[in-house]
Amino acid sequence: MSVLVANNDNFEELVLKSKRKVLVDFNADWCGPCQMLKPIIEEVADENSDVSVLSINIDDNDVLAEDYNIQSIPCLVVFKDGKEIKRSVGLISKEEIEGLLNE
């Protein structure tokens, strides 16, 4: 499954109402670590068909960034049943991302 682009308009449908776990990557185009994380996020999306993986550009969706108190990026947030269950800030490995999803 590919990485979907989420925004202020579709966030509720794609994340809060999702029946599956959702990994949200809060990022920005100007962020070097975010760009380094992007191919890893794509791999995780391709290899985990039971998880929805979304990318949110904080510059284009500042309301969401504020609502979820995104202070530093990249910030990965795992949601289950519409609730945040895990969060990781900074560049992490594929194994660490999979650990977030499997806990």
N, C-alpha and C. Protein backbone atom coordinates (compact mmCIF):
# COMPACT_ATOMS: atom_id res chain seq x y z
N MET A 1 0.85 -1.18 0.00
CA MET A 1 0.00 0.00 0.00
C MET A 1 0.90 1.23 0.00
N SER A 2 0.51 2.24 -0.73
CA SER A 2 1.34 3.43 -0.83
C SER A 2 1.03 4.42 0.29
N VAL A 3 1.89 5.40 0.41
CA VAL A 3 1.70 6.46 1.40
C VAL A 3 0.66 7.43 0.86
N LEU A 4 -0.37 7.68 1.65
CA LEU A 4 -1.41 8.61 1.26
C LEU A 4 -1.10 9.99 1.81
N VAL A 5 -1.52 11.01 1.09
CA VAL A 5 -1.32 12.38 1.55
C VAL A 5 -2.59 12.81 2.29
N ALA A 6 -2.42 13.17 3.53
CA ALA A 6 -3.54 13.63 4.35
C ALA A 6 -3.47 15.14 4.50
N ASN A 7 -4.64 15.72 4.78
CA ASN A 7 -4.70 17.16 4.99
C ASN A 7 -5.84 17.48 5.96
N ASN A 8 -6.04 18.77 6.17
CA ASN A 8 -7.08 19.21 7.10
C ASN A 8 -8.45 18.66 6.72
N ASP A 9 -8.70 18.52 5.43
CA ASP A 9 -10.02 18.11 4.95
C ASP A 9 -10.29 16.61 5.09
N ASN A 10 -9.28 15.77 4.89
CA ASN A 10 -9.52 14.32 4.89
C ASN A 10 -8.98 13.60 6.14
N PHE A 11 -8.41 14.34 7.07
CA PHE A 11 -7.79 13.72 8.24
C PHE A 11 -8.79 12.90 9.06
N GLU A 12 -9.95 13.46 9.31
CA GLU A 12 -10.94 12.75 10.12
C GLU A 12 -11.31 11.41 9.48
N GLU A 13 -11.56 11.43 8.18
CA GLU A 13 -11.95 10.19 7.48
C GLU A 13 -10.80 9.19 7.45
N LEU A 14 -9.58 9.65 7.11
CA LEU A 14 -8.45 8.74 6.94
C LEU A 14 -7.83 8.26 8.25
N VAL A 15 -7.94 9.04 9.30
CA VAL A 15 -7.28 8.71 10.56
C VAL A 15 -8.27 8.39 11.67
N LEU A 16 -9.08 9.34 12.00
CA LEU A 16 -9.94 9.20 13.18
C LEU A 16 -11.03 8.15 13.00
N LYS A 17 -11.49 7.94 11.77
CA LYS A 17 -12.55 6.95 11.51
C LYS A 17 -12.01 5.65 10.94
N SER A 18 -10.71 5.53 10.83
CA SER A 18 -10.11 4.33 10.25
C SER A 18 -10.34 3.10 11.13
N LYS A 19 -10.57 1.98 10.50
CA LYS A 19 -10.76 0.71 11.22
C LYS A 19 -9.43 0.00 11.44
N ARG A 20 -8.36 0.52 10.90
CA ARG A 20 -7.03 -0.09 11.04
C ARG A 20 -6.09 0.88 11.73
N LYS A 21 -4.93 0.39 12.11
CA LYS A 21 -3.90 1.26 12.67
C LYS A 21 -3.45 2.23 11.59
N VAL A 22 -3.11 3.44 12.02
CA VAL A 22 -2.67 4.47 11.09
C VAL A 22 -1.36 5.06 11.58
N LEU A 23 -0.37 5.11 10.69
CA LEU A 23 0.90 5.77 10.97
C LEU A 23 0.89 7.10 10.22
N VAL A 24 1.01 8.19 10.96
CA VAL A 24 1.02 9.52 10.36
C VAL A 24 2.41 10.12 10.48
N ASP A 25 2.95 10.52 9.34
CA ASP A 25 4.26 11.16 9.27
C ASP A 25 4.04 12.66 9.10
N PHE A 26 4.25 13.42 10.17
CA PHE A 26 4.19 14.88 10.10
C PHE A 26 5.56 15.36 9.63
N ASN A 27 5.61 16.12 8.54
CA ASN A 27 6.88 16.49 7.92
C ASN A 27 6.78 17.83 7.21
N ALA A 28 7.88 18.24 6.59
CA ALA A 28 7.92 19.45 5.77
C ALA A 28 8.96 19.25 4.67
N ASP A 29 8.74 19.93 3.55
CA ASP A 29 9.64 19.81 2.40
C ASP A 29 11.06 20.30 2.72
N TRP A 30 11.18 21.30 3.58
CA TRP A 30 12.48 21.91 3.88
C TRP A 30 13.28 21.12 4.92
N CYS A 31 12.68 20.10 5.49
CA CYS A 31 13.28 19.35 6.60
C CYS A 31 14.16 18.20 6.08
N GLY A 32 15.46 18.30 6.28
CA GLY A 32 16.38 17.26 5.82
C GLY A 32 16.09 15.88 6.39
N PRO A 33 15.96 15.74 7.71
CA PRO A 33 15.64 14.43 8.27
C PRO A 33 14.31 13.87 7.75
N CYS A 34 13.34 14.76 7.48
CA CYS A 34 12.06 14.31 6.93
C CYS A 34 12.27 13.67 5.55
N GLN A 35 13.13 14.30 4.75
CA GLN A 35 13.39 13.76 3.41
C GLN A 35 14.16 12.44 3.49
N MET A 36 15.00 12.30 4.50
CA MET A 36 15.73 11.04 4.70
C MET A 36 14.78 9.93 5.15
N LEU A 37 13.74 10.30 5.89
CA LEU A 37 12.79 9.33 6.41
C LEU A 37 11.78 8.88 5.34
N LYS A 38 11.56 9.73 4.35
CA LYS A 38 10.52 9.47 3.34
C LYS A 38 10.63 8.09 2.68
N PRO A 39 11.81 7.66 2.18
CA PRO A 39 11.88 6.33 1.56
C PRO A 39 11.66 5.20 2.56
N ILE A 40 12.00 5.41 3.81
CA ILE A 40 11.77 4.40 4.84
C ILE A 40 10.27 4.27 5.09
N ILE A 41 9.58 5.40 5.15
CA ILE A 41 8.13 5.41 5.35
C ILE A 41 7.46 4.69 4.17
N GLU A 42 7.95 4.92 2.96
CA GLU A 42 7.38 4.27 1.78
C GLU A 42 7.56 2.76 1.86
N GLU A 43 8.72 2.31 2.31
CA GLU A 43 8.98 0.87 2.49
C GLU A 43 8.01 0.28 3.51
N VAL A 44 7.85 0.96 4.63
CA VAL A 44 6.95 0.48 5.68
C VAL A 44 5.53 0.37 5.13
N ALA A 45 5.11 1.36 4.34
CA ALA A 45 3.77 1.33 3.75
C ALA A 45 3.62 0.14 2.81
N ASP A 46 4.63 -0.12 1.99
CA ASP A 46 4.57 -1.22 1.03
C ASP A 46 4.55 -2.58 1.71
N GLU A 47 5.19 -2.69 2.86
CA GLU A 47 5.35 -3.99 3.52
C GLU A 47 4.32 -4.27 4.60
N ASN A 48 3.46 -3.32 4.92
CA ASN A 48 2.48 -3.49 5.99
C ASN A 48 1.08 -3.16 5.48
N SER A 49 0.46 -4.12 4.84
CA SER A 49 -0.84 -3.88 4.22
C SER A 49 -1.96 -3.69 5.24
N ASP A 50 -1.71 -4.03 6.48
CA ASP A 50 -2.73 -3.89 7.52
C ASP A 50 -2.69 -2.53 8.22
N VAL A 51 -1.76 -1.65 7.78
CA VAL A 51 -1.60 -0.33 8.38
C VAL A 51 -1.75 0.73 7.29
N SER A 52 -2.52 1.78 7.59
CA SER A 52 -2.59 2.93 6.69
C SER A 52 -1.43 3.85 7.04
N VAL A 53 -0.69 4.29 6.02
CA VAL A 53 0.44 5.18 6.25
C VAL A 53 0.16 6.50 5.53
N LEU A 54 0.20 7.58 6.31
CA LEU A 54 -0.15 8.90 5.78
C LEU A 54 0.99 9.89 5.99
N SER A 55 1.07 10.84 5.08
CA SER A 55 2.04 11.92 5.17
C SER A 55 1.28 13.23 5.27
N ILE A 56 1.69 14.07 6.21
CA ILE A 56 1.07 15.38 6.39
C ILE A 56 2.16 16.44 6.40
N ASN A 57 2.08 17.36 5.46
CA ASN A 57 3.00 18.48 5.39
C ASN A 57 2.50 19.54 6.38
N ILE A 58 3.30 19.82 7.41
CA ILE A 58 2.85 20.74 8.46
C ILE A 58 2.71 22.17 7.97
N ASP A 59 3.45 22.55 6.94
CA ASP A 59 3.34 23.91 6.41
C ASP A 59 2.00 24.12 5.73
N ASP A 60 1.47 23.09 5.10
CA ASP A 60 0.18 23.18 4.41
C ASP A 60 -0.99 22.86 5.33
N ASN A 61 -0.70 22.26 6.48
CA ASN A 61 -1.75 21.82 7.40
C ASN A 61 -1.41 22.21 8.82
N ASP A 62 -1.22 23.50 9.01
CA ASP A 62 -0.77 23.98 10.32
C ASP A 62 -1.81 23.77 11.42
N VAL A 63 -3.08 23.68 11.06
CA VAL A 63 -4.11 23.43 12.07
C VAL A 63 -3.92 22.04 12.68
N LEU A 64 -3.68 21.04 11.83
CA LEU A 64 -3.43 19.69 12.33
C LEU A 64 -2.17 19.63 13.17
N ALA A 65 -1.13 20.30 12.71
CA ALA A 65 0.13 20.33 13.48
C ALA A 65 -0.10 20.93 14.86
N GLU A 66 -0.90 21.97 14.91
CA GLU A 66 -1.20 22.60 16.20
C GLU A 66 -2.10 21.70 17.05
N ASP A 67 -3.12 21.12 16.43
CA ASP A 67 -4.04 20.25 17.17
C ASP A 67 -3.32 19.07 17.82
N TYR A 68 -2.29 18.55 17.15
CA TYR A 68 -1.57 17.39 17.67
C TYR A 68 -0.23 17.77 18.30
N ASN A 69 -0.06 19.07 18.58
CA ASN A 69 1.10 19.56 19.31
C ASN A 69 2.42 19.09 18.70
N ILE A 70 2.53 19.24 17.38
CA ILE A 70 3.76 18.87 16.69
C ILE A 70 4.77 19.99 16.88
N GLN A 71 5.78 19.72 17.70
CA GLN A 71 6.79 20.72 18.04
C GLN A 71 8.05 20.58 17.20
N SER A 72 8.39 19.34 16.84
CA SER A 72 9.59 19.05 16.05
C SER A 72 9.22 18.00 15.01
N ILE A 73 9.93 18.05 13.89
CA ILE A 73 9.69 17.07 12.83
C ILE A 73 11.02 16.45 12.41
N PRO A 74 11.00 15.27 11.82
CA PRO A 74 9.82 14.46 11.57
C PRO A 74 9.21 13.94 12.87
N CYS A 75 7.88 13.83 12.84
CA CYS A 75 7.15 13.30 13.99
C CYS A 75 6.21 12.22 13.48
N LEU A 76 6.39 11.01 13.98
CA LEU A 76 5.54 9.89 13.60
C LEU A 76 4.55 9.64 14.73
N VAL A 77 3.27 9.57 14.36
CA VAL A 77 2.22 9.33 15.36
C VAL A 77 1.42 8.12 14.90
N VAL A 78 1.24 7.17 15.80
CA VAL A 78 0.44 5.98 15.51
C VAL A 78 -0.92 6.15 16.18
N PHE A 79 -1.96 5.94 15.37
CA PHE A 79 -3.34 6.02 15.86
C PHE A 79 -3.98 4.64 15.77
N LYS A 80 -4.83 4.35 16.74
CA LYS A 80 -5.64 3.12 16.71
C LYS A 80 -7.01 3.51 17.23
N ASP A 81 -8.04 3.15 16.50
CA ASP A 81 -9.41 3.50 16.87
C ASP A 81 -9.57 5.01 17.09
N GLY A 82 -8.88 5.80 16.27
CA GLY A 82 -9.00 7.25 16.34
C GLY A 82 -8.24 7.93 17.46
N LYS A 83 -7.48 7.16 18.22
CA LYS A 83 -6.72 7.71 19.35
C LYS A 83 -5.22 7.53 19.14
N GLU A 84 -4.46 8.53 19.57
CA GLU A 84 -3.00 8.42 19.50
C GLU A 84 -2.53 7.39 20.52
N ILE A 85 -1.71 6.42 20.05
CA ILE A 85 -1.19 5.42 20.98
C ILE A 85 0.33 5.45 21.10
N LYS A 86 1.02 5.99 20.11
CA LYS A 86 2.49 6.08 20.15
C LYS A 86 2.93 7.32 19.39
N ARG A 87 4.12 7.81 19.76
CA ARG A 87 4.70 8.97 19.08
C ARG A 87 6.21 8.86 19.11
N SER A 88 6.83 9.26 18.01
CA SER A 88 8.28 9.30 17.95
C SER A 88 8.70 10.56 17.20
N VAL A 89 9.68 11.27 17.74
CA VAL A 89 10.17 12.49 17.12
C VAL A 89 11.60 12.28 16.68
N GLY A 90 11.90 12.70 15.45
CA GLY A 90 13.25 12.59 14.92
C GLY A 90 13.38 11.44 13.94
N LEU A 91 14.52 11.37 13.32
CA LEU A 91 14.82 10.34 12.33
C LEU A 91 15.05 9.01 13.05
N ILE A 92 14.27 7.99 12.68
CA ILE A 92 14.43 6.67 13.28
C ILE A 92 14.53 5.63 12.17
N SER A 93 14.97 4.44 12.54
CA SER A 93 15.17 3.36 11.58
C SER A 93 13.85 2.67 11.23
N LYS A 94 13.88 1.91 10.17
CA LYS A 94 12.72 1.12 9.76
C LYS A 94 12.31 0.17 10.88
N GLU A 95 13.28 -0.45 11.52
CA GLU A 95 13.00 -1.38 12.62
C GLU A 95 12.30 -0.67 13.77
N GLU A 96 12.73 0.55 14.08
CA GLU A 96 12.09 1.31 15.15
C GLU A 96 10.65 1.68 14.79
N ILE A 97 10.42 2.01 13.52
CA ILE A 97 9.06 2.32 13.06
C ILE A 97 8.18 1.08 13.20
N GLU A 98 8.71 -0.05 12.76
CA GLU A 98 7.94 -1.30 12.88
C GLU A 98 7.67 -1.64 14.34
N GLY A 99 8.61 -1.30 15.22
CA GLY A 99 8.39 -1.49 16.65
C GLY A 99 7.25 -0.63 17.17
N LEU A 100 7.15 0.60 16.68
CA LEU A 100 6.03 1.46 17.06
C LEU A 100 4.71 0.84 16.65
N LEU A 101 4.68 0.24 15.47
CA LEU A 101 3.44 -0.33 14.93
C LEU A 101 3.06 -1.62 15.62
N ASN A 102 4.02 -2.34 16.15
CA ASN A 102 3.75 -3.66 16.70
C ASN A 102 3.57 -3.70 18.20
N GLU A 103 3.76 -2.59 18.86
CA GLU A 103 3.62 -2.58 20.33
C GLU A 103 2.16 -2.58 20.72
